[in-house]
Amino acid sequence: MYAQMVETGLKNVRSLDDMGQEERAFQARIDEGIKIEAKDWMPDAYRKTLIRQISQHAHSEIVGQLPEGNWVTRAPTLKRKSILLAKIQDEAGHGLYLYSAAETLGVSRDDLLAALHSGKAKYSSIFNYPTLSWADMGAIGWLVDGSAIINQIPLCRCSYGPYARAMIRVCKEESFHARQGYDIMMSLCKGTPAQKAMAQDALNRWWWPSLMMFGPSDAASVNSAQSAQWRIKLFSNDELRQRMVDQTVPQIEYLGLTVPDPDLKFNAETGHYAFGEIDWSEFNNVLKGNGPCNRERLQTRVKAYEDGEWFRDALLAYADKQAASKAAA
């Protein structure tokens, strides 16, 4: 999972002439490929952009458990239940890992969660679509986690050290998620005609939202350009989206399924697949909170947090008891 459309808070990409002495030295370190660490000086805009991106990424991991959690009890075999449960636990771990990385930038986890629960902070729009059949568990692993990997592998080389290091483990586990998703789709496509039709239906519904995960074209986006200058973002949205299409279309053909895009064509000169226009009005509508499951996802997340209050209180009471015991010794 990942973050999309992260604001930098700047209206223009800053040139060296716009920067003070400290900021020029900071940019020089980034240009030389030196990682920025938590205690290093950094511009406020860089810090805020990282907090927005890492926390949005963490929120996506946590909310991303919800559509799959609905299918643990309905997975067709014990083996599939076990694998799905392990995947969901991985996503929770990614969220906690990333919240820790965000905390190195001086923000509290409570504040990050409060922003999510109030609707101020965003998470990936892909999780606002419903999961209607077991094949959706395959499509999410294969397409959604597959797209996330394409986005996240470059982050292993981003300029902020704690985020880059966190992404190495996350990417390894996401690779397992993508393979389990494709394995589900392979089983369905080798099954009965009804099972193969279920796989095609899931592909039809998740194909376009998966392409939207990369965000709009960043050719005219100052946010993407500034993030690129800071080496938080190493490739443009369109480059990564094209990479996903080129990688996935042969996999679809191997499954014997049809890409739900009548305009899809392979261009022998460029070596890439040309694809149809994405419905950006749908993308923007979901981002504004009007997706099929926006409200349900947030309400479920808030309820889970409130239901866990007794456990957080118990942890604090135990910590206080231990501290008092040590003080008295």
C-alpha atoms as a PDB file:
ATOM      1  CA  MET A   1       0.000   0.000   0.000  1.00  0.00           C
ATOM      2  CA  TYR A   2       1.167   3.549  -0.310  1.00  0.00           C
ATOM      3  CA  ALA A   3       0.396   7.293  -0.236  1.00  0.00           C
ATOM      4  CA  GLN A   4      -0.940   9.327  -3.127  1.00  0.00           C
ATOM      5  CA  MET A   5      -1.214  13.055  -3.920  1.00  0.00           C
ATOM      6  CA  VAL A   6       0.920  14.297  -1.031  1.00  0.00           C
ATOM      7  CA  GLU A   7       0.989  18.089  -0.652  1.00  0.00           C
ATOM      8  CA  THR A   8       4.393  19.739  -0.163  1.00  0.00           C
ATOM      9  CA  GLY A   9       2.892  23.042   0.979  1.00  0.00           C
ATOM     10  CA  LEU A  10       4.971  24.910  -1.627  1.00  0.00           C
ATOM     11  CA  LYS A  11       3.588  26.739  -4.656  1.00  0.00           C
ATOM     12  CA  ASN A  12       6.794  26.548  -6.690  1.00  0.00           C
ATOM     13  CA  VAL A  13       9.817  24.286  -6.885  1.00  0.00           C
ATOM     14  CA  ARG A  14      12.559  26.039  -4.949  1.00  0.00           C
ATOM     15  CA  SER A  15      15.694  26.893  -6.885  1.00  0.00           C
ATOM     16  CA  LEU A  16      19.127  27.330  -5.274  1.00  0.00           C
ATOM     17  CA  ASP A  17      18.604  31.115  -5.481  1.00  0.00           C
ATOM     18  CA  ASP A  18      15.463  30.767  -3.339  1.00  0.00           C
ATOM     19  CA  MET A  19      17.310  28.837  -0.635  1.00  0.00           C
ATOM     20  CA  GLY A  20      19.234  30.022   2.373  1.00  0.00           C
ATOM     21  CA  GLN A  21      22.684  28.688   3.251  1.00  0.00           C
ATOM     22  CA  GLU A  22      21.391  25.781   5.384  1.00  0.00           C
ATOM     23  CA  GLU A  23      18.871  24.747   2.763  1.00  0.00           C
ATOM     24  CA  ARG A  24      21.471  24.788  -0.024  1.00  0.00           C
ATOM     25  CA  ALA A  25      23.728  22.567   2.075  1.00  0.00           C
ATOM     26  CA  PHE A  26      20.749  20.275   2.738  1.00  0.00           C
ATOM     27  CA  GLN A  27      19.934  20.043  -0.985  1.00  0.00           C
ATOM     28  CA  ALA A  28      23.601  19.363  -1.785  1.00  0.00           C
ATOM     29  CA  ARG A  29      23.572  16.379   0.592  1.00  0.00           C
ATOM     30  CA  ILE A  30      20.479  15.006  -1.140  1.00  0.00           C
ATOM     31  CA  ASP A  31      22.003  15.555  -4.585  1.00  0.00           C
ATOM     32  CA  GLU A  32      25.085  13.604  -3.463  1.00  0.00           C
ATOM     33  CA  GLY A  33      22.874  10.695  -2.366  1.00  0.00           C
ATOM     34  CA  ILE A  34      23.541  11.148   1.373  1.00  0.00           C
ATOM     35  CA  LYS A  35      20.605  10.004   3.517  1.00  0.00           C
ATOM     36  CA  ILE A  36      18.901  12.543   5.767  1.00  0.00           C
ATOM     37  CA  GLU A  37      18.527  11.228   9.321  1.00  0.00           C
ATOM     38  CA  ALA A  38      16.048  12.188  12.040  1.00  0.00           C
ATOM     39  CA  LYS A  39      18.412  14.487  13.968  1.00  0.00           C
ATOM     40  CA  ASP A  40      19.734  16.264  10.850  1.00  0.00           C
ATOM     41  CA  TRP A  41      18.600  19.788  10.015  1.00  0.00           C
ATOM     42  CA  MET A  42      15.861  19.812   7.383  1.00  0.00           C
ATOM     43  CA  PRO A  43      13.507  22.446   5.901  1.00  0.00           C
ATOM     44  CA  ASP A  44      10.058  22.602   7.518  1.00  0.00           C
ATOM     45  CA  ALA A  45       8.401  21.851   4.169  1.00  0.00           C
ATOM     46  CA  TYR A  46      10.513  18.685   3.742  1.00  0.00           C
ATOM     47  CA  ARG A  47       9.622  17.529   7.260  1.00  0.00           C
ATOM     48  CA  LYS A  48       5.903  18.237   6.773  1.00  0.00           C
ATOM     49  CA  THR A  49       5.843  16.522   3.372  1.00  0.00           C
ATOM     50  CA  LEU A  50       7.440  13.412   4.852  1.00  0.00           C
ATOM     51  CA  ILE A  51       5.004  13.392   7.776  1.00  0.00           C
ATOM     52  CA  ARG A  52       2.080  13.645   5.334  1.00  0.00           C
ATOM     53  CA  GLN A  53       3.450  10.927   3.054  1.00  0.00           C
ATOM     54  CA  ILE A  54       4.592   8.445   5.704  1.00  0.00           C
ATOM     55  CA  SER A  55       1.437   8.848   7.796  1.00  0.00           C
ATOM     56  CA  GLN A  56      -0.796   8.550   4.717  1.00  0.00           C
ATOM     57  CA  HIS A  57       1.143   5.410   3.824  1.00  0.00           C
ATOM     58  CA  ALA A  58       0.655   4.053   7.383  1.00  0.00           C
ATOM     59  CA  HIS A  59      -3.072   4.883   7.313  1.00  0.00           C
ATOM     60  CA  SER A  60      -3.357   3.018   3.984  1.00  0.00           C
ATOM     61  CA  GLU A  61      -1.790  -0.080   5.521  1.00  0.00           C
ATOM     62  CA  ILE A  62      -4.182   0.002   8.487  1.00  0.00           C
ATOM     63  CA  VAL A  63      -7.370   0.749   6.517  1.00  0.00           C
ATOM     64  CA  GLY A  64      -6.260  -1.745   3.860  1.00  0.00           C
ATOM     65  CA  GLN A  65      -6.870  -4.568   6.337  1.00  0.00           C
ATOM     66  CA  LEU A  66     -10.620  -3.887   6.353  1.00  0.00           C
ATOM     67  CA  PRO A  67     -11.712  -5.113   2.879  1.00  0.00           C
ATOM     68  CA  GLU A  68      -9.683  -8.314   3.309  1.00  0.00           C
ATOM     69  CA  GLY A  69     -10.662  -8.883   6.939  1.00  0.00           C
ATOM     70  CA  ASN A  70     -14.234  -9.400   5.758  1.00  0.00           C
ATOM     71  CA  TRP A  71     -13.124 -12.526   3.886  1.00  0.00           C
ATOM     72  CA  VAL A  72     -11.117 -14.457   6.509  1.00  0.00           C
ATOM     73  CA  THR A  73     -14.121 -16.518   7.621  1.00  0.00           C
ATOM     74  CA  ARG A  74     -15.276 -17.022   4.021  1.00  0.00           C
ATOM     75  CA  ALA A  75     -11.958 -18.134   2.497  1.00  0.00           C
ATOM     76  CA  PRO A  76     -12.558 -21.464   0.721  1.00  0.00           C
ATOM     77  CA  THR A  77      -9.985 -23.612   2.584  1.00  0.00           C
ATOM     78  CA  LEU A  78      -8.041 -23.606   5.855  1.00  0.00           C
ATOM     79  CA  LYS A  79      -4.862 -22.960   3.867  1.00  0.00           C
ATOM     80  CA  ARG A  80      -6.402 -19.894   2.195  1.00  0.00           C
ATOM     81  CA  LYS A  81      -7.680 -18.623   5.569  1.00  0.00           C
ATOM     82  CA  SER A  82      -4.198 -18.971   7.082  1.00  0.00           C
ATOM     83  CA  ILE A  83      -2.510 -17.166   4.191  1.00  0.00           C
ATOM     84  CA  LEU A  84      -5.047 -14.339   4.173  1.00  0.00           C
ATOM     85  CA  LEU A  85      -4.777 -13.939   7.943  1.00  0.00           C
ATOM     86  CA  ALA A  86      -0.974 -13.771   7.703  1.00  0.00           C
ATOM     87  CA  LYS A  87      -1.244 -11.133   4.973  1.00  0.00           C
ATOM     88  CA  ILE A  88      -3.595  -8.990   7.050  1.00  0.00           C
ATOM     89  CA  GLN A  89      -1.232  -9.248  10.017  1.00  0.00           C
ATOM     90  CA  ASP A  90       1.614  -8.132   7.748  1.00  0.00           C
ATOM     91  CA  GLU A  91      -0.358  -5.032   6.759  1.00  0.00           C
ATOM     92  CA  ALA A  92      -0.932  -4.161  10.430  1.00  0.00           C
ATOM     93  CA  GLY A  93       2.798  -4.533  11.018  1.00  0.00           C
ATOM     94  CA  HIS A  94       3.576  -2.250   8.078  1.00  0.00           C
ATOM     95  CA  GLY A  95       1.285   0.387   9.555  1.00  0.00           C
ATOM     96  CA  LEU A  96       2.972   0.262  12.964  1.00  0.00           C
ATOM     97  CA  TYR A  97       6.414   0.266  11.341  1.00  0.00           C
ATOM     98  CA  LEU A  98       5.548   3.367   9.316  1.00  0.00           C
ATOM     99  CA  TYR A  99       3.953   5.205  12.261  1.00  0.00           C
ATOM    100  CA  SER A 100       7.277   4.681  14.056  1.00  0.00           C
ATOM    101  CA  ALA A 101       9.146   6.156  11.067  1.00  0.00           C
ATOM    102  CA  ALA A 102       6.799   9.180  11.112  1.00  0.00           C
ATOM    103  CA  GLU A 103       7.400   9.649  14.846  1.00  0.00           C
ATOM    104  CA  THR A 104      11.117  10.174  14.164  1.00  0.00           C
ATOM    105  CA  LEU A 105      10.040  13.457  12.536  1.00  0.00           C
ATOM    106  CA  GLY A 106       8.625  14.781  15.814  1.00  0.00           C
ATOM    107  CA  VAL A 107       4.928  13.983  15.452  1.00  0.00           C
ATOM    108  CA  SER A 108       2.939  11.821  17.884  1.00  0.00           C
ATOM    109  CA  ARG A 109       1.073   8.684  16.833  1.00  0.00           C
ATOM    110  CA  ASP A 110      -2.022   9.916  18.695  1.00  0.00           C
ATOM    111  CA  ASP A 111      -2.073  13.072  16.555  1.00  0.00           C
ATOM    112  CA  LEU A 112      -1.670  11.051  13.350  1.00  0.00           C
ATOM    113  CA  LEU A 113      -4.549   8.735  14.275  1.00  0.00           C
ATOM    114  CA  ALA A 114      -6.731  11.681  15.335  1.00  0.00           C
ATOM    115  CA  ALA A 115      -6.187  13.227  11.891  1.00  0.00           C
ATOM    116  CA  LEU A 116      -7.202   9.954  10.211  1.00  0.00           C
ATOM    117  CA  HIS A 117     -10.311   9.499  12.334  1.00  0.00           C
ATOM    118  CA  SER A 118     -11.474  13.089  11.795  1.00  0.00           C
ATOM    119  CA  GLY A 119     -11.128  12.692   8.024  1.00  0.00           C
ATOM    120  CA  LYS A 120      -8.362  15.324   7.843  1.00  0.00           C
ATOM    121  CA  ALA A 121      -5.712  12.777   6.836  1.00  0.00           C
ATOM    122  CA  LYS A 122      -6.129  10.619   3.743  1.00  0.00           C
ATOM    123  CA  TYR A 123      -5.406   7.015   2.874  1.00  0.00           C
ATOM    124  CA  SER A 124      -5.156   5.326  -0.512  1.00  0.00           C
ATOM    125  CA  SER A 125      -8.385   5.698  -2.502  1.00  0.00           C
ATOM    126  CA  ILE A 126      -8.265   2.034  -3.602  1.00  0.00           C
ATOM    127  CA  PHE A 127      -9.612   0.874  -0.232  1.00  0.00           C
ATOM    128  CA  ASN A 128     -12.879   2.685  -0.758  1.00  0.00           C
ATOM    129  CA  TYR A 129     -14.050   0.043  -3.223  1.00  0.00           C
ATOM    130  CA  PRO A 130     -16.073  -2.987  -2.026  1.00  0.00           C
ATOM    131  CA  THR A 131     -14.936  -6.629  -2.134  1.00  0.00           C
ATOM    132  CA  LEU A 132     -17.842  -8.552  -3.637  1.00  0.00           C
ATOM    133  CA  SER A 133     -16.405 -12.048  -4.148  1.00  0.00           C
ATOM    134  CA  TRP A 134     -13.503 -14.304  -3.162  1.00  0.00           C
ATOM    135  CA  ALA A 135     -11.839 -13.411  -6.466  1.00  0.00           C
ATOM    136  CA  ASP A 136     -11.452  -9.872  -5.122  1.00  0.00           C
ATOM    137  CA  MET A 137      -8.909 -11.249  -2.615  1.00  0.00           C
ATOM    138  CA  GLY A 138      -6.900 -12.427  -5.601  1.00  0.00           C
ATOM    139  CA  ALA A 139      -7.287  -9.153  -7.500  1.00  0.00           C
ATOM    140  CA  ILE A 140      -6.289  -7.053  -4.476  1.00  0.00           C
ATOM    141  CA  GLY A 141      -3.139  -9.081  -3.823  1.00  0.00           C
ATOM    142  CA  TRP A 142      -2.159  -9.240  -7.470  1.00  0.00           C
ATOM    143  CA  LEU A 143      -3.137  -5.763  -8.717  1.00  0.00           C
ATOM    144  CA  VAL A 144      -3.294  -3.539  -5.622  1.00  0.00           C
ATOM    145  CA  ASP A 145      -0.262  -4.930  -3.808  1.00  0.00           C
ATOM    146  CA  GLY A 146       1.462  -5.332  -7.177  1.00  0.00           C
ATOM    147  CA  SER A 147       0.977  -1.613  -7.870  1.00  0.00           C
ATOM    148  CA  ALA A 148       2.110  -0.808  -4.338  1.00  0.00           C
ATOM    149  CA  ILE A 149       5.375  -2.687  -4.899  1.00  0.00           C
ATOM    150  CA  ILE A 150       6.058  -0.699  -8.073  1.00  0.00           C
ATOM    151  CA  ASN A 151       5.519   2.473  -6.054  1.00  0.00           C
ATOM    152  CA  GLN A 152       7.438   1.366  -3.005  1.00  0.00           C
ATOM    153  CA  ILE A 153      10.620  -0.199  -4.369  1.00  0.00           C
ATOM    154  CA  PRO A 154      11.998   3.255  -5.366  1.00  0.00           C
ATOM    155  CA  LEU A 155      11.201   4.456  -1.839  1.00  0.00           C
ATOM    156  CA  CYS A 156      13.907   2.083  -0.548  1.00  0.00           C
ATOM    157  CA  ARG A 157      16.303   4.621  -2.099  1.00  0.00           C
ATOM    158  CA  CYS A 158      14.508   7.810  -1.002  1.00  0.00           C
ATOM    159  CA  SER A 159      16.413  10.551   0.793  1.00  0.00           C
ATOM    160  CA  TYR A 160      14.991  10.078   4.308  1.00  0.00           C
ATOM    161  CA  GLY A 161      16.881   7.245   5.996  1.00  0.00           C
ATOM    162  CA  PRO A 162      14.239   5.890   8.442  1.00  0.00           C
ATOM    163  CA  TYR A 163      11.596   5.747   5.670  1.00  0.00           C
ATOM    164  CA  ALA A 164      13.966   4.152   3.137  1.00  0.00           C
ATOM    165  CA  ARG A 165      15.069   1.466   5.594  1.00  0.00           C
ATOM    166  CA  ALA A 166      11.474   0.714   6.643  1.00  0.00           C
ATOM    167  CA  MET A 167      10.496   0.166   3.025  1.00  0.00           C
ATOM    168  CA  ILE A 168      13.023  -2.643   2.502  1.00  0.00           C
ATOM    169  CA  ARG A 169      11.142  -5.009   4.811  1.00  0.00           C
ATOM    170  CA  VAL A 170       7.734  -3.760   3.661  1.00  0.00           C
ATOM    171  CA  CYS A 171       8.587  -4.458   0.005  1.00  0.00           C
ATOM    172  CA  LYS A 172       9.729  -8.010   0.757  1.00  0.00           C
ATOM    173  CA  GLU A 173       6.409  -8.779   2.446  1.00  0.00           C
ATOM    174  CA  GLU A 174       4.352  -7.031  -0.230  1.00  0.00           C
ATOM    175  CA  SER A 175       6.018  -9.309  -2.772  1.00  0.00           C
ATOM    176  CA  PHE A 176       4.535 -12.287  -0.909  1.00  0.00           C
ATOM    177  CA  HIS A 177       1.125 -10.561  -0.962  1.00  0.00           C
ATOM    178  CA  ALA A 178       1.209 -10.055  -4.723  1.00  0.00           C
ATOM    179  CA  ARG A 179       2.143 -13.697  -5.309  1.00  0.00           C
ATOM    180  CA  GLN A 180      -0.646 -15.011  -3.082  1.00  0.00           C
ATOM    181  CA  GLY A 181      -3.102 -12.844  -5.007  1.00  0.00           C
ATOM    182  CA  TYR A 182      -1.918 -14.140  -8.372  1.00  0.00           C
ATOM    183  CA  ASP A 183      -2.055 -17.697  -7.015  1.00  0.00           C
ATOM    184  CA  ILE A 184      -5.735 -17.213  -6.151  1.00  0.00           C
ATOM    185  CA  MET A 185      -6.416 -15.913  -9.667  1.00  0.00           C
ATOM    186  CA  MET A 186      -4.551 -18.861 -11.224  1.00  0.00           C
ATOM    187  CA  SER A 187      -6.619 -21.345  -9.225  1.00  0.00           C
ATOM    188  CA  LEU A 188      -9.868 -19.659 -10.265  1.00  0.00           C
ATOM    189  CA  CYS A 189      -8.836 -19.506 -13.922  1.00  0.00           C
ATOM    190  CA  LYS A 190      -8.026 -23.235 -13.907  1.00  0.00           C
ATOM    191  CA  GLY A 191     -11.365 -24.024 -12.268  1.00  0.00           C
ATOM    192  CA  THR A 192     -14.930 -24.103 -13.556  1.00  0.00           C
ATOM    193  CA  PRO A 193     -16.270 -21.591 -16.112  1.00  0.00           C
ATOM    194  CA  ALA A 194     -18.135 -19.897 -13.253  1.00  0.00           C
ATOM    195  CA  GLN A 195     -14.896 -19.532 -11.256  1.00  0.00           C
ATOM    196  CA  LYS A 196     -13.066 -18.094 -14.268  1.00  0.00           C
ATOM    197  CA  ALA A 197     -15.949 -15.666 -14.829  1.00  0.00           C
ATOM    198  CA  MET A 198     -15.597 -14.607 -11.191  1.00  0.00           C
ATOM    199  CA  ALA A 199     -11.891 -13.891 -11.788  1.00  0.00           C
ATOM    200  CA  GLN A 200     -12.715 -11.843 -14.919  1.00  0.00           C
ATOM    201  CA  ASP A 201     -15.338  -9.855 -13.012  1.00  0.00           C
ATOM    202  CA  ALA A 202     -12.829  -9.034 -10.263  1.00  0.00           C
ATOM    203  CA  LEU A 203     -10.245  -7.962 -12.866  1.00  0.00           C
ATOM    204  CA  ASN A 204     -12.842  -5.758 -14.567  1.00  0.00           C
ATOM    205  CA  ARG A 205     -13.662  -3.969 -11.304  1.00  0.00           C
ATOM    206  CA  TRP A 206     -10.092  -3.556  -9.943  1.00  0.00           C
ATOM    207  CA  TRP A 207      -8.136  -2.780 -13.136  1.00  0.00           C
ATOM    208  CA  TRP A 208      -8.923   0.921 -13.423  1.00  0.00           C
ATOM    209  CA  PRO A 209      -8.826   1.739  -9.675  1.00  0.00           C
ATOM    210  CA  SER A 210      -5.407   0.025  -9.587  1.00  0.00           C
ATOM    211  CA  LEU A 211      -4.138   2.346 -12.337  1.00  0.00           C
ATOM    212  CA  MET A 212      -5.568   5.307 -10.398  1.00  0.00           C
ATOM    213  CA  MET A 213      -3.448   4.320  -7.392  1.00  0.00           C
ATOM    214  CA  PHE A 214      -0.457   6.019  -9.011  1.00  0.00           C
ATOM    215  CA  GLY A 215      -2.249   9.384  -8.911  1.00  0.00           C
ATOM    216  CA  PRO A 216      -2.821  11.839 -11.779  1.00  0.00           C
ATOM    217  CA  SER A 217      -0.135  12.774 -14.265  1.00  0.00           C
ATOM    218  CA  ASP A 218       2.437  14.828 -12.394  1.00  0.00           C
ATOM    219  CA  ALA A 219       3.766  16.653 -15.460  1.00  0.00           C
ATOM    220  CA  ALA A 220       2.273  19.914 -14.196  1.00  0.00           C
ATOM    221  CA  SER A 221       2.287  19.130 -10.481  1.00  0.00           C
ATOM    222  CA  VAL A 222       4.518  21.248  -8.296  1.00  0.00           C
ATOM    223  CA  ASN A 223       4.060  18.706  -5.483  1.00  0.00           C
ATOM    224  CA  SER A 224       5.588  15.892  -7.532  1.00  0.00           C
ATOM    225  CA  ALA A 225       8.346  18.117  -8.886  1.00  0.00           C
ATOM    226  CA  GLN A 226       9.349  19.344  -5.426  1.00  0.00           C
ATOM    227  CA  SER A 227       9.218  15.815  -3.979  1.00  0.00           C
ATOM    228  CA  ALA A 228      11.432  14.707  -6.871  1.00  0.00           C
ATOM    229  CA  GLN A 229      13.955  17.451  -6.082  1.00  0.00           C
ATOM    230  CA  TRP A 230      14.064  16.226  -2.483  1.00  0.00           C
ATOM    231  CA  ARG A 231      14.362  12.615  -3.767  1.00  0.00           C
ATOM    232  CA  ILE A 232      11.274  11.580  -1.822  1.00  0.00           C
ATOM    233  CA  LYS A 233       9.794  10.704  -5.200  1.00  0.00           C
ATOM    234  CA  LEU A 234      12.164   9.082  -7.697  1.00  0.00           C
ATOM    235  CA  PHE A 235       9.806   8.407 -10.637  1.00  0.00           C
ATOM    236  CA  SER A 236       6.751  10.198 -11.987  1.00  0.00           C
ATOM    237  CA  ASN A 237       3.236   8.819 -11.579  1.00  0.00           C
ATOM    238  CA  ASP A 238       2.996   8.153 -15.302  1.00  0.00           C
ATOM    239  CA  GLU A 239       6.298   6.267 -15.431  1.00  0.00           C
ATOM    240  CA  LEU A 240       5.220   3.986 -12.601  1.00  0.00           C
ATOM    241  CA  ARG A 241       1.719   3.495 -14.072  1.00  0.00           C
ATOM    242  CA  GLN A 242       3.232   2.479 -17.419  1.00  0.00           C
ATOM    243  CA  ARG A 243       5.510   0.049 -15.601  1.00  0.00           C
ATOM    244  CA  MET A 244       2.466  -1.543 -13.937  1.00  0.00           C
ATOM    245  CA  VAL A 245       0.603  -1.935 -17.252  1.00  0.00           C
ATOM    246  CA  ASP A 246       3.637  -3.391 -19.053  1.00  0.00           C
ATOM    247  CA  GLN A 247       4.235  -5.854 -16.236  1.00  0.00           C
ATOM    248  CA  THR A 248       0.616  -6.922 -15.711  1.00  0.00           C
ATOM    249  CA  VAL A 249      -0.829  -7.313 -19.211  1.00  0.00           C
ATOM    250  CA  PRO A 250       1.289 -10.442 -20.000  1.00  0.00           C
ATOM    251  CA  GLN A 251       0.159 -11.898 -16.665  1.00  0.00           C
ATOM    252  CA  ILE A 252      -3.480 -11.285 -17.638  1.00  0.00           C
ATOM    253  CA  GLU A 253      -2.900 -12.976 -20.978  1.00  0.00           C
ATOM    254  CA  TYR A 254      -1.288 -15.969 -19.252  1.00  0.00           C
ATOM    255  CA  LEU A 255      -4.406 -16.353 -17.088  1.00  0.00           C
ATOM    256  CA  GLY A 256      -6.556 -16.346 -20.226  1.00  0.00           C
ATOM    257  CA  LEU A 257      -8.443 -13.251 -19.073  1.00  0.00           C
ATOM    258  CA  THR A 258      -9.266 -10.074 -21.004  1.00  0.00           C
ATOM    259  CA  VAL A 259      -7.918  -6.631 -20.139  1.00  0.00           C
ATOM    260  CA  PRO A 260     -11.000  -4.426 -19.584  1.00  0.00           C
ATOM    261  CA  ASP A 261      -9.675  -1.737 -21.915  1.00  0.00           C
ATOM    262  CA  PRO A 262     -10.692  -1.755 -25.608  1.00  0.00           C
ATOM    263  CA  ASP A 263      -7.996   0.837 -26.366  1.00  0.00           C
ATOM    264  CA  LEU A 264      -5.117  -1.265 -25.048  1.00  0.00           C
ATOM    265  CA  LYS A 265      -2.481  -1.887 -27.751  1.00  0.00           C
ATOM    266  CA  PHE A 266       1.147  -2.941 -27.740  1.00  0.00           C
ATOM    267  CA  ASN A 267       3.407  -0.395 -29.407  1.00  0.00           C
ATOM    268  CA  ALA A 268       6.317  -2.315 -30.965  1.00  0.00           C
ATOM    269  CA  GLU A 269       8.320   0.894 -31.476  1.00  0.00           C
ATOM    270  CA  THR A 270       8.236   1.990 -27.843  1.00  0.00           C
ATOM    271  CA  GLY A 271       8.033  -1.502 -26.368  1.00  0.00           C
ATOM    272  CA  HIS A 272       5.166  -0.350 -24.139  1.00  0.00           C
ATOM    273  CA  TYR A 273       1.428  -0.912 -23.985  1.00  0.00           C
ATOM    274  CA  ALA A 274      -0.694   2.133 -24.839  1.00  0.00           C
ATOM    275  CA  PHE A 275      -3.848   2.189 -22.735  1.00  0.00           C
ATOM    276  CA  GLY A 276      -7.161   4.047 -22.637  1.00  0.00           C
ATOM    277  CA  GLU A 277      -8.041   7.235 -20.786  1.00  0.00           C
ATOM    278  CA  ILE A 278      -8.536   6.912 -17.034  1.00  0.00           C
ATOM    279  CA  ASP A 279     -11.766   8.326 -15.580  1.00  0.00           C
ATOM    280  CA  TRP A 280     -10.192  11.019 -13.411  1.00  0.00           C
ATOM    281  CA  SER A 281     -13.598  12.328 -12.335  1.00  0.00           C
ATOM    282  CA  GLU A 282     -14.149   9.025 -10.498  1.00  0.00           C
ATOM    283  CA  PHE A 283     -10.680   9.270  -8.941  1.00  0.00           C
ATOM    284  CA  ASN A 284     -11.303  12.801  -7.670  1.00  0.00           C
ATOM    285  CA  ASN A 285     -14.753  11.873  -6.403  1.00  0.00           C
ATOM    286  CA  VAL A 286     -13.364   9.006  -4.325  1.00  0.00           C
ATOM    287  CA  LEU A 287     -10.587  11.243  -2.974  1.00  0.00           C
ATOM    288  CA  LYS A 288     -13.227  13.740  -1.844  1.00  0.00           C
ATOM    289  CA  GLY A 289     -14.855  11.044   0.279  1.00  0.00           C
ATOM    290  CA  ASN A 290     -17.590   9.977  -2.114  1.00  0.00           C
ATOM    291  CA  GLY A 291     -16.356   6.488  -2.975  1.00  0.00           C
ATOM    292  CA  PRO A 292     -18.573   3.411  -2.512  1.00  0.00           C
ATOM    293  CA  CYS A 293     -17.115   2.632   0.945  1.00  0.00           C
ATOM    294  CA  ASN A 294     -15.448   5.867   2.190  1.00  0.00           C
ATOM    295  CA  ARG A 295     -17.771   6.405   5.147  1.00  0.00           C
ATOM    296  CA  GLU A 296     -17.996   2.723   6.068  1.00  0.00           C
ATOM    297  CA  ARG A 297     -14.204   2.319   6.125  1.00  0.00           C
ATOM    298  CA  LEU A 298     -13.705   5.346   8.372  1.00  0.00           C
ATOM    299  CA  GLN A 299     -16.548   4.416  10.726  1.00  0.00           C
ATOM    300  CA  THR A 300     -15.169   0.869  11.090  1.00  0.00           C
ATOM    301  CA  ARG A 301     -11.699   2.210  11.787  1.00  0.00           C
ATOM    302  CA  VAL A 302     -12.963   4.681  14.440  1.00  0.00           C
ATOM    303  CA  LYS A 303     -15.073   1.979  16.119  1.00  0.00           C
ATOM    304  CA  ALA A 304     -12.066  -0.377  16.287  1.00  0.00           C
ATOM    305  CA  TYR A 305     -10.019   2.378  17.937  1.00  0.00           C
ATOM    306  CA  GLU A 306     -12.746   3.205  20.471  1.00  0.00           C
ATOM    307  CA  ASP A 307     -13.354  -0.482  21.266  1.00  0.00           C
ATOM    308  CA  GLY A 308      -9.650  -0.843  22.034  1.00  0.00           C
ATOM    309  CA  GLU A 309      -9.589   1.953  24.621  1.00  0.00           C
ATOM    310  CA  TRP A 310      -9.778  -0.504  27.553  1.00  0.00           C
ATOM    311  CA  PHE A 311      -6.653  -2.272  26.270  1.00  0.00           C
ATOM    312  CA  ARG A 312      -4.668   0.964  25.906  1.00  0.00           C
ATOM    313  CA  ASP A 313      -5.771   1.973  29.429  1.00  0.00           C
ATOM    314  CA  ALA A 314      -4.627  -1.414  30.756  1.00  0.00           C
ATOM    315  CA  LEU A 315      -1.195  -0.995  29.135  1.00  0.00           C
ATOM    316  CA  LEU A 316      -0.789   2.459  30.685  1.00  0.00           C
ATOM    317  CA  ALA A 317      -1.907   1.207  34.105  1.00  0.00           C
ATOM    318  CA  TYR A 318       0.609  -1.646  33.910  1.00  0.00           C
ATOM    319  CA  ALA A 319       3.398   0.740  32.861  1.00  0.00           C
ATOM    320  CA  ASP A 320       2.536   3.081  35.766  1.00  0.00           C
ATOM    321  CA  LYS A 321       2.525   0.141  38.173  1.00  0.00           C
ATOM    322  CA  GLN A 322       5.935  -1.019  36.958  1.00  0.00           C
ATOM    323  CA  ALA A 323       7.364   2.505  37.214  1.00  0.00           C
ATOM    324  CA  ALA A 324       6.002   2.919  40.755  1.00  0.00           C
ATOM    325  CA  SER A 325       7.445  -0.462  41.732  1.00  0.00           C
ATOM    326  CA  LYS A 326      10.908   0.509  40.444  1.00  0.00           C
ATOM    327  CA  ALA A 327      10.752   3.887  42.190  1.00  0.00           C
ATOM    328  CA  ALA A 328       9.868   2.222  45.504  1.00  0.00           C
ATOM    329  CA  ALA A 329      12.672  -0.363  45.233  1.00  0.00           C
END
